[in-house]
Every structure is written in C-alpha cells, then in structure tokens.
Protein backbone atom coordinates (compact mmCIF):
# COMPACT_ATOMS: atom_id res chain seq x y z
CA MET A 1 59.16 54.95 122.36
CA ILE A 2 57.35 57.94 123.85
CA ARG A 3 60.50 58.88 125.77
CA ALA A 4 62.57 58.86 122.60
CA PHE A 5 59.96 60.98 120.80
CA LEU A 6 59.89 63.50 123.69
CA ARG A 7 63.68 63.67 123.70
CA ILE A 8 63.78 64.35 119.96
CA ALA A 9 61.00 66.94 120.26
CA ALA A 10 62.81 68.67 123.14
CA LEU A 11 66.07 68.75 121.14
CA ALA A 12 64.26 70.15 118.10
CA ILE A 13 62.64 72.90 120.19
CA LEU A 14 65.98 73.71 121.84
CA ALA A 15 67.71 73.90 118.45
CA PHE A 16 64.96 76.17 117.11
CA VAL A 17 65.19 78.52 120.11
CA ALA A 18 68.98 78.62 119.91
CA SER A 19 68.93 79.45 116.20
CA ALA A 20 66.27 82.13 116.71
CA CYS A 21 68.48 83.85 119.29
CA SER A 22 71.72 83.73 117.30
CA LYS A 23 73.02 86.93 115.74
CA THR A 24 74.50 87.39 112.32
CA TYR A 25 77.36 89.78 111.72
CA ILE A 26 78.36 91.98 108.82
CA PRO A 27 81.11 90.02 107.02
CA ASN A 28 84.66 90.71 108.27
CA THR A 29 83.39 92.71 111.27
CA GLU A 30 82.24 92.13 114.81
CA VAL A 31 79.15 94.26 114.14
CA GLU A 32 75.66 92.80 114.18
CA ASP A 33 74.08 92.74 110.73
CA THR A 34 71.24 95.27 110.80
CA SER A 35 70.24 97.81 108.16
CA GLU A 36 71.31 100.70 110.43
CA ASN A 37 74.72 99.13 111.12
CA ARG A 38 75.25 98.38 107.42
CA LYS A 39 74.58 102.03 106.56
CA VAL A 40 77.19 103.12 109.13
CA ILE A 41 79.80 100.60 107.95
CA LEU A 42 79.26 101.57 104.29
CA PHE A 43 79.81 105.22 105.24
CA CYS A 44 83.00 104.30 107.12
CA GLU A 45 84.22 102.34 104.10
CA GLU A 46 83.79 105.51 102.00
CA TYR A 47 86.05 107.21 104.54
CA ARG A 48 88.62 104.38 104.42
CA HIS A 49 88.76 104.45 100.62
CA ALA A 50 89.09 108.25 100.60
CA VAL A 51 92.10 107.93 102.93
CA GLU A 52 93.76 105.34 100.67
CA ASP A 53 93.03 107.45 97.57
CA LYS A 54 94.21 110.66 99.29
CA ASN A 55 90.94 112.21 98.17
CA ILE A 56 90.92 115.42 100.19
CA GLY A 57 87.68 116.65 98.65
CA LYS A 58 85.89 113.46 99.66
CA LEU A 59 87.40 113.48 103.17
CA LEU A 60 86.23 117.06 103.71
CA ALA A 61 82.79 116.18 102.33
CA LEU A 62 82.57 113.32 104.86
CA ALA A 63 83.52 115.62 107.75
CA SER A 64 81.00 117.78 109.56
CA ALA A 65 81.52 121.56 109.44
CA ARG A 66 81.37 121.17 113.26
CA TYR A 67 84.35 118.78 113.21
CA HIS A 68 86.46 119.00 116.37
CA GLU A 69 89.24 116.66 117.44
CA ASP A 70 90.75 117.14 120.90
CA GLY A 71 93.74 114.85 120.41
CA GLY A 72 92.58 112.64 123.29
CA ASN A 73 93.82 115.02 125.98
CA THR A 74 92.93 118.24 127.80
CA ARG A 75 95.60 120.40 126.13
CA GLY A 76 94.01 122.77 123.65
CA GLU A 77 97.07 123.42 121.49
CA ASP A 78 96.69 120.15 119.57
CA ASP A 79 92.93 120.47 118.97
CA ILE A 80 91.81 120.47 115.33
CA ASP A 81 88.60 122.00 114.02
CA PHE A 82 87.29 121.81 110.44
CA ASP A 83 89.72 124.51 109.21
CA GLY A 84 92.60 122.73 110.96
CA LEU A 85 91.54 119.48 109.31
CA LYS A 86 91.68 121.19 105.90
CA GLN A 87 95.18 122.48 106.65
CA TYR A 88 96.37 119.06 107.84
CA LEU A 89 94.97 117.30 104.77
CA ALA A 90 96.46 119.85 102.35
CA GLY A 91 99.84 119.79 104.13
CA THR A 92 101.11 116.80 106.07
CA PHE A 93 98.62 114.29 104.66
CA MET A 94 99.43 115.17 101.03
CA LYS A 95 103.11 114.33 101.64
CA THR A 96 102.23 110.68 102.26
CA THR A 97 102.31 108.15 99.45
CA GLY A 98 101.43 104.49 99.04
CA ILE A 99 98.72 104.52 101.73
CA ARG A 100 97.17 101.23 102.77
CA TYR A 101 94.49 101.54 105.44
CA GLU A 102 92.75 98.42 106.75
CA ILE A 103 89.92 98.57 109.27
CA LYS A 104 88.40 95.88 111.49
CA TYR A 105 85.09 97.21 112.80
CA ARG A 106 84.44 96.21 116.40
CA ARG A 107 81.30 98.03 117.48
CA VAL A 108 78.65 100.50 116.34
CA GLN A 109 76.84 102.33 119.13
CA PHE A 110 73.85 104.59 118.57
CA ASN A 111 73.62 107.28 121.27
CA GLU A 112 70.70 109.23 122.73
CA ASP A 113 72.12 112.50 121.35
CA GLN A 114 71.72 111.08 117.81
CA SER A 115 75.48 110.55 117.44
CA VAL A 116 77.04 107.21 116.53
CA PHE A 117 80.32 105.81 117.85
CA VAL A 118 82.22 103.44 115.56
CA ASP A 119 84.98 101.57 117.39
CA TYR A 120 87.57 99.90 115.21
CA SER A 121 91.13 98.70 114.95
CA TYR A 122 93.24 99.79 112.03
CA ALA A 123 96.50 98.92 110.35
CA ALA A 124 98.01 101.74 108.32
CA SER A 125 101.07 101.59 106.09
CA TYR A 126 102.33 104.65 104.24
CA ARG A 127 105.45 106.35 102.92
CA ILE A 128 106.56 109.80 104.04
CA PRO A 129 109.56 111.95 103.15
CA GLY A 130 112.45 111.27 105.52
CA THR A 131 116.04 112.31 105.97
CA LYS A 132 117.22 109.49 103.67
CA GLY A 133 114.44 109.66 101.10
CA GLU A 134 111.01 108.13 101.56
CA GLU A 135 110.46 106.02 104.66
CA TRP A 136 107.74 103.42 105.25
CA ARG A 137 105.75 103.81 108.43
CA HIS A 138 103.36 101.29 109.96
CA THR A 139 100.78 101.93 112.64
CA VAL A 140 98.37 99.52 114.31
CA ALA A 141 95.94 101.03 116.81
CA ASP A 142 92.36 101.34 118.00
CA ASN A 143 90.27 104.36 117.14
CA ARG A 144 86.75 105.72 117.43
CA LEU A 145 84.88 107.78 114.88
CA LYS A 146 82.04 109.90 116.14
CA LEU A 147 79.39 110.35 113.48
CA VAL A 148 76.39 112.62 113.43
CA ALA A 149 73.40 112.52 111.11
CA GLU A 150 73.20 115.65 108.98
CA GLY A 151 70.20 115.46 106.71
CA ASP A 152 69.91 111.96 105.30
CA GLN A 153 73.60 111.10 105.62
CA TYR A 154 76.30 110.78 108.23
CA LYS A 155 79.18 113.18 108.79
CA ILE A 156 82.31 112.65 110.87
CA LEU A 157 82.28 114.84 113.98
CA ASP A 158 85.66 113.63 115.30
CA GLY A 159 88.15 110.81 115.01
CA MET A 160 89.72 111.26 111.56
C-alpha cells in the first residue's frame, strides 16, 4: 500500500516537473512563445503582408535607413543599400504580380549588439513578364532577416 502510494506520488512529481520544463511555441512556428518573440514575429508578418500587397511605402518604412544587403558574398557590385532597395522595389519588384509569400519561422535570436536574427524558410510564388507573356515563378529557400531596434519598433537592417 505504501509502495503504491510512493509510486503514484513519484509519478505525479515527475509529471509536474516535466510539464514545468516544457516550452510552448508561437502557433505555426518553431519559435518559443515569449512576449519578445511575439513582437518580432508580428513585425515580420507586417513585412510578409507588405510583400504580398506590393506595398512599397510600407516596405521602405519597415527598412532601416542603414539598410545594407551584401548578397551573401564578398563581391561589392551586388550590394544594396537603402537607396538601392528603393530602386529595386520601384523597378523589378513592381513588375511582379500575383505574389504569394509564405513564411515558416524557425528561430529568433537576440544578439548582444541589440540586433535580432530571424531565421525562416519561405515559399514564394509570383508572376513576372517573360518572353511569352507572364510566367509563374516559384522559390523555396531559407533566409535570415537582421532587425535592429530603432526607437520603440524594429527595422530591417538586411535580408529583404
């Protein structure tokens, strides 16, 4: 009788400890559900919606004036700063139609320099002018946004 009671008590304590240590995640992400992470994901969702809506004004408002994208290599000729981002959005980006941009958030990392990395996978579908009329393009890839706090909100420093 005492053995059975001790076994039940031990199982109850083990279940309590296990549940206390378990993490919850923001729905449809692999990101732990904290208020800081939610704020970051909500910001990134503003970005995602602005891409789908082709809202250049919103995309530029979400970007830092210090925006700099190095194209993932050491060659400088494909680097884009804030002015280059404006040119890209007003030119090539505006030629796209029917944009669908889905994001699966993988990780949010807060850094000592007050920047935030957001690692995600995306699936993008869009139409662009082609030699035979409009062509559908599809891209699936991983990406990282680098955010920086400017005032009481985030701005995208690179990764658009």
